[in-house]
C-alpha atoms as a PDB file:
ATOM      1  CA  MET A   1       6.493 -27.943  12.162  1.00  0.00           C
ATOM      2  CA  GLY A   2      10.011 -27.314  13.779  1.00  0.00           C
ATOM      3  CA  ASN A   3      11.211 -23.748  13.431  1.00  0.00           C
ATOM      4  CA  LYS A   4      14.061 -25.107  10.892  1.00  0.00           C
ATOM      5  CA  ASP A   5      10.838 -25.926   8.474  1.00  0.00           C
ATOM      6  CA  PHE A   6       9.559 -22.557   8.207  1.00  0.00           C
ATOM      7  CA  GLN A   7      11.309 -21.763   4.883  1.00  0.00           C
ATOM      8  CA  ASN A   8       9.837 -24.959   3.311  1.00  0.00           C
ATOM      9  CA  GLU A   9       5.925 -23.475   4.297  1.00  0.00           C
ATOM     10  CA  ILE A  10       4.153 -22.220   1.028  1.00  0.00           C
ATOM     11  CA  GLY A  11       3.123 -19.166   3.270  1.00  0.00           C
ATOM     12  CA  HIS A  12       6.378 -18.198   3.514  1.00  0.00           C
ATOM     13  CA  LYS A  13       7.473 -18.866  -0.074  1.00  0.00           C
ATOM     14  CA  ILE A  14       4.608 -16.893  -1.073  1.00  0.00           C
ATOM     15  CA  ARG A  15       5.732 -14.081   1.403  1.00  0.00           C
ATOM     16  CA  MET A  16       9.545 -14.306  -0.207  1.00  0.00           C
ATOM     17  CA  ALA A  17       7.656 -13.857  -3.434  1.00  0.00           C
ATOM     18  CA  ASN A  18       5.834 -11.020  -2.630  1.00  0.00           C
ATOM     19  CA  ASN A  19       8.708  -9.110  -1.120  1.00  0.00           C
ATOM     20  CA  ALA A  20      10.816  -9.899  -4.177  1.00  0.00           C
ATOM     21  CA  VAL A  21       7.887  -8.529  -6.204  1.00  0.00           C
ATOM     22  CA  ASP A  22       8.492  -5.178  -3.688  1.00  0.00           C
ATOM     23  CA  LYS A  23      12.088  -4.718  -3.846  1.00  0.00           C
ATOM     24  CA  TYR A  24      11.929  -5.272  -7.761  1.00  0.00           C
ATOM     25  CA  PHE A  25       9.450  -1.962  -7.939  1.00  0.00           C
ATOM     26  CA  ASN A  26      11.477  -0.033  -5.134  1.00  0.00           C
ATOM     27  CA  SER A  27      14.583  -0.578  -7.206  1.00  0.00           C
ATOM     28  CA  SER A  28      13.156  -0.115 -10.642  1.00  0.00           C
ATOM     29  CA  TRP A  29      11.790   3.394  -9.711  1.00  0.00           C
ATOM     30  CA  LYS A  30      14.704   4.606  -8.173  1.00  0.00           C
ATOM     31  CA  SER A  31      16.364   4.984 -11.457  1.00  0.00           C
ATOM     32  CA  THR A  32      13.727   7.128 -12.577  1.00  0.00           C
ATOM     33  CA  GLY A  33      14.167   9.653  -9.780  1.00  0.00           C
ATOM     34  CA  MET A  34      10.480   8.794  -8.984  1.00  0.00           C
ATOM     35  CA  GLU A  35       8.792   6.881  -6.448  1.00  0.00           C
ATOM     36  CA  LEU A  36       6.077   4.527  -6.903  1.00  0.00           C
ATOM     37  CA  THR A  37       4.572   1.845  -5.018  1.00  0.00           C
ATOM     38  CA  ARG A  38       3.166  -1.562  -6.329  1.00  0.00           C
ATOM     39  CA  MET A  39      -0.045  -0.695  -5.356  1.00  0.00           C
ATOM     40  CA  GLN A  40       0.206   3.161  -7.165  1.00  0.00           C
ATOM     41  CA  CYS A  41       1.182   1.572 -10.207  1.00  0.00           C
ATOM     42  CA  VAL A  42      -1.850  -1.285 -10.464  1.00  0.00           C
ATOM     43  CA  THR A  43      -4.198   1.420  -9.131  1.00  0.00           C
ATOM     44  CA  LEU A  44      -2.973   3.666 -12.187  1.00  0.00           C
ATOM     45  CA  HIS A  45      -3.055   1.012 -14.716  1.00  0.00           C
ATOM     46  CA  TYR A  46      -6.586   0.018 -13.818  1.00  0.00           C
ATOM     47  CA  LEU A  47      -7.556   3.479 -14.103  1.00  0.00           C
ATOM     48  CA  LYS A  48      -6.165   3.769 -17.454  1.00  0.00           C
ATOM     49  CA  ASP A  49      -8.300   0.243 -18.425  1.00  0.00           C
ATOM     50  CA  HIS A  50     -11.351   1.489 -17.061  1.00  0.00           C
ATOM     51  CA  GLU A  51     -10.432   5.054 -18.866  1.00  0.00           C
ATOM     52  CA  GLY A  52     -14.141   6.333 -19.535  1.00  0.00           C
ATOM     53  CA  GLU A  53     -16.236   4.518 -16.899  1.00  0.00           C
ATOM     54  CA  ASP A  54     -17.267   5.345 -13.823  1.00  0.00           C
ATOM     55  CA  VAL A  55     -14.502   4.154 -11.357  1.00  0.00           C
ATOM     56  CA  PHE A  56     -15.099   4.995  -7.541  1.00  0.00           C
ATOM     57  CA  GLN A  57     -12.907   4.031  -4.530  1.00  0.00           C
ATOM     58  CA  LYS A  58     -14.914   0.918  -3.722  1.00  0.00           C
ATOM     59  CA  ASP A  59     -13.787  -0.393  -6.742  1.00  0.00           C
ATOM     60  CA  LEU A  60     -10.805  -0.301  -5.973  1.00  0.00           C
ATOM     61  CA  GLU A  61     -11.015  -1.580  -2.744  1.00  0.00           C
ATOM     62  CA  LEU A  62     -12.875  -4.524  -4.255  1.00  0.00           C
ATOM     63  CA  VAL A  63     -10.431  -5.249  -7.144  1.00  0.00           C
ATOM     64  CA  PHE A  64      -7.327  -5.313  -5.235  1.00  0.00           C
ATOM     65  CA  SER A  65      -8.802  -6.523  -2.143  1.00  0.00           C
ATOM     66  CA  ILE A  66      -7.937  -4.040   0.130  1.00  0.00           C
ATOM     67  CA  THR A  67      -9.352  -2.147   3.172  1.00  0.00           C
ATOM     68  CA  GLY A  68     -11.342   1.046   2.635  1.00  0.00           C
ATOM     69  CA  ALA A  69      -8.195   2.887   4.925  1.00  0.00           C
ATOM     70  CA  THR A  70      -5.925   1.724   2.629  1.00  0.00           C
ATOM     71  CA  ALA A  71      -7.532   2.728  -0.525  1.00  0.00           C
ATOM     72  CA  THR A  72      -7.504   5.906   1.067  1.00  0.00           C
ATOM     73  CA  ASN A  73      -4.315   6.065   1.559  1.00  0.00           C
ATOM     74  CA  ILE A  74      -3.352   5.159  -1.282  1.00  0.00           C
ATOM     75  CA  LEU A  75      -5.609   7.699  -3.361  1.00  0.00           C
ATOM     76  CA  LYS A  76      -4.510  10.575  -0.853  1.00  0.00           C
ATOM     77  CA  VAL A  77      -0.778  10.247  -1.991  1.00  0.00           C
ATOM     78  CA  MET A  78      -1.771   9.779  -5.671  1.00  0.00           C
ATOM     79  CA  GLU A  79      -3.818  13.185  -5.356  1.00  0.00           C
ATOM     80  CA  LYS A  80      -1.202  14.466  -3.623  1.00  0.00           C
ATOM     81  CA  GLU A  81       1.525  13.984  -6.236  1.00  0.00           C
ATOM     82  CA  GLY A  82      -0.826  14.671  -9.143  1.00  0.00           C
ATOM     83  CA  LEU A  83      -1.912  11.772 -10.150  1.00  0.00           C
ATOM     84  CA  ILE A  84      -5.035  11.282 -10.102  1.00  0.00           C
ATOM     85  CA  ILE A  85      -8.263  13.733  -9.324  1.00  0.00           C
ATOM     86  CA  ARG A  86     -11.397  13.100  -7.538  1.00  0.00           C
ATOM     87  CA  GLU A  87     -14.609  14.878  -8.953  1.00  0.00           C
ATOM     88  CA  PRO A  88     -17.600  14.629  -7.069  1.00  0.00           C
ATOM     89  CA  MET A  89     -20.290  13.160  -8.888  1.00  0.00           C
ATOM     90  CA  PRO A  90     -23.479  15.184  -9.763  1.00  0.00           C
ATOM     91  CA  THR A  91     -25.990  13.212  -8.270  1.00  0.00           C
ATOM     92  CA  ASP A  92     -24.173  12.494  -4.699  1.00  0.00           C
ATOM     93  CA  GLY A  93     -21.069  14.192  -3.760  1.00  0.00           C
ATOM     94  CA  ARG A  94     -19.962  11.844  -1.363  1.00  0.00           C
ATOM     95  CA  LEU A  95     -19.563   9.701  -4.678  1.00  0.00           C
ATOM     96  CA  LYS A  96     -15.917  10.828  -6.185  1.00  0.00           C
ATOM     97  CA  LYS A  97     -15.015   9.782  -9.616  1.00  0.00           C
ATOM     98  CA  LEU A  98     -11.503   8.768 -10.002  1.00  0.00           C
ATOM     99  CA  ILE A  99      -9.795  10.616 -12.506  1.00  0.00           C
ATOM    100  CA  LEU A 100      -6.000   9.914 -14.212  1.00  0.00           C
ATOM    101  CA  THR A 101      -3.974  13.445 -14.565  1.00  0.00           C
ATOM    102  CA  GLU A 102      -1.834  13.802 -17.557  1.00  0.00           C
ATOM    103  CA  LYS A 103       0.819  13.086 -15.248  1.00  0.00           C
ATOM    104  CA  GLY A 104      -0.635   9.960 -13.884  1.00  0.00           C
ATOM    105  CA  ILE A 105      -1.007   8.997 -17.831  1.00  0.00           C
ATOM    106  CA  LEU A 106       2.443   9.591 -18.596  1.00  0.00           C
ATOM    107  CA  LEU A 107       3.472   7.804 -15.242  1.00  0.00           C
ATOM    108  CA  ASN A 108       1.562   5.147 -16.443  1.00  0.00           C
ATOM    109  CA  GLN A 109       2.897   3.962 -19.158  1.00  0.00           C
ATOM    110  CA  LYS A 110       6.390   3.811 -17.307  1.00  0.00           C
ATOM    111  CA  ALA A 111       4.612   2.037 -14.820  1.00  0.00           C
ATOM    112  CA  HIS A 112       3.040  -0.336 -17.278  1.00  0.00           C
ATOM    113  CA  ALA A 113       6.556  -1.467 -18.981  1.00  0.00           C
ATOM    114  CA  ASN A 114       7.467  -1.894 -15.536  1.00  0.00           C
ATOM    115  CA  ILE A 115       4.654  -4.273 -14.866  1.00  0.00           C
ATOM    116  CA  VAL A 116       5.225  -6.187 -18.143  1.00  0.00           C
ATOM    117  CA  ARG A 117       9.026  -6.159 -17.530  1.00  0.00           C
ATOM    118  CA  LEU A 118       8.364  -8.394 -14.120  1.00  0.00           C
ATOM    119  CA  HIS A 119       5.938 -10.598 -15.424  1.00  0.00           C
ATOM    120  CA  GLN A 120       8.240 -11.773 -18.234  1.00  0.00           C
ATOM    121  CA  GLY A 121      11.005 -12.191 -15.720  1.00  0.00           C
ATOM    122  CA  MET A 122       8.515 -14.117 -13.180  1.00  0.00           C
ATOM    123  CA  LYS A 123       7.964 -16.527 -16.060  1.00  0.00           C
ATOM    124  CA  LYS A 124      11.567 -16.351 -17.315  1.00  0.00           C
ATOM    125  CA  ASN A 125      12.304 -20.395 -17.398  1.00  0.00           C
ATOM    126  CA  MET A 126       9.223 -21.715 -16.465  1.00  0.00           C
ATOM    127  CA  THR A 127       6.871 -24.074 -19.509  1.00  0.00           C
ATOM    128  CA  ALA A 128       3.593 -22.941 -20.670  1.00  0.00           C
ATOM    129  CA  GLU A 129       2.483 -26.266 -18.082  1.00  0.00           C
ATOM    130  CA  GLU A 130       4.556 -24.963 -15.323  1.00  0.00           C
ATOM    131  CA  LEU A 131       2.504 -21.601 -15.571  1.00  0.00           C
ATOM    132  CA  GLU A 132      -0.637 -22.969 -15.740  1.00  0.00           C
ATOM    133  CA  LEU A 133      -0.234 -25.633 -12.992  1.00  0.00           C
ATOM    134  CA  LEU A 134       0.804 -22.465 -10.547  1.00  0.00           C
ATOM    135  CA  GLY A 135      -2.187 -20.643 -11.908  1.00  0.00           C
ATOM    136  CA  ILE A 136      -4.330 -23.285 -10.837  1.00  0.00           C
ATOM    137  CA  LEU A 137      -2.446 -23.843  -7.187  1.00  0.00           C
ATOM    138  CA  LEU A 138      -2.084 -20.169  -6.549  1.00  0.00           C
ATOM    139  CA  ASP A 139      -5.764 -19.802  -7.155  1.00  0.00           C
ATOM    140  CA  ARG A 140      -6.885 -23.125  -4.785  1.00  0.00           C
ATOM    141  CA  VAL A 141      -4.249 -21.652  -1.974  1.00  0.00           C
ATOM    142  CA  THR A 142      -6.307 -18.073  -2.022  1.00  0.00           C
ATOM    143  CA  GLN A 143      -9.811 -20.183  -2.147  1.00  0.00           C
ATOM    144  CA  ASN A 144      -8.118 -22.267   0.502  1.00  0.00           C
ATOM    145  CA  ILE A 145      -7.763 -19.046   2.814  1.00  0.00           C
ATOM    146  CA  VAL A 146     -10.737 -17.431   1.354  1.00  0.00           C
ATOM    147  CA  ASP A 147     -12.702 -20.780   2.665  1.00  0.00           C
ATOM    148  CA  MET A 148     -11.266 -20.889   6.186  1.00  0.00           C
ATOM    149  CA  ILE A 149     -12.102 -17.036   6.283  1.00  0.00           C
ATOM    150  CA  GLU A 150     -15.564 -17.748   5.747  1.00  0.00           C
ATOM    151  CA  ASP A 151     -15.545 -20.932   8.124  1.00  0.00           C
ATOM    152  CA  ASP A 152     -14.519 -18.914  11.149  1.00  0.00           C
ATOM    153  CA  GLU A 153     -16.801 -16.059  10.177  1.00  0.00           C
ATOM    154  CA  ASN A 154     -19.724 -18.393  10.123  1.00  0.00           C
ATOM    155  CA  GLU A 155     -18.151 -20.275  13.594  1.00  0.00           C
ATOM    156  CA  LYS A 156     -18.237 -16.440  15.138  1.00  0.00           C
ATOM    157  CA  THR A 157     -21.949 -15.982  13.995  1.00  0.00           C
ATOM    158  CA  ASP A 158     -22.914 -19.704  15.463  1.00  0.00           C
ATOM    159  CA  MET A 159     -21.448 -18.810  18.491  1.00  0.00           C
ATOM    160  CA  LYS A 160     -23.664 -15.945  19.357  1.00  0.00           C
END
């Protein structure tokens, strides 16, 4: 692969799509006078979607495939901004249940509308068949990467 070919590589195209989504989120929130990151928006939505259930930081790490440090940083900012509270569990004070505040619920409504608009925009000019194929291919790319990571980890284990 020559240097000029990188723009045609799937990894580059995925990164460009990811960057475009981030830019959309940044620009769409500026008009509201608020700043929410994409991860904060999806976290709000996840918490609202699982209202009445016990949701913990570990759940977010698993669902969004993020590290503990990343989840901690997201939640610290959200707590500081008054979007969530972390309530210690009576049985184990180390476990902190994540709860949306009223402010978090209100912002989730705006965030959800923003996400719906983004999803509609991404699907624009695509047929149902193209969307289905895109989903299949992205799932395959993701699984291929997961398989590579597992293979690398197995090789490291075998070397010990």
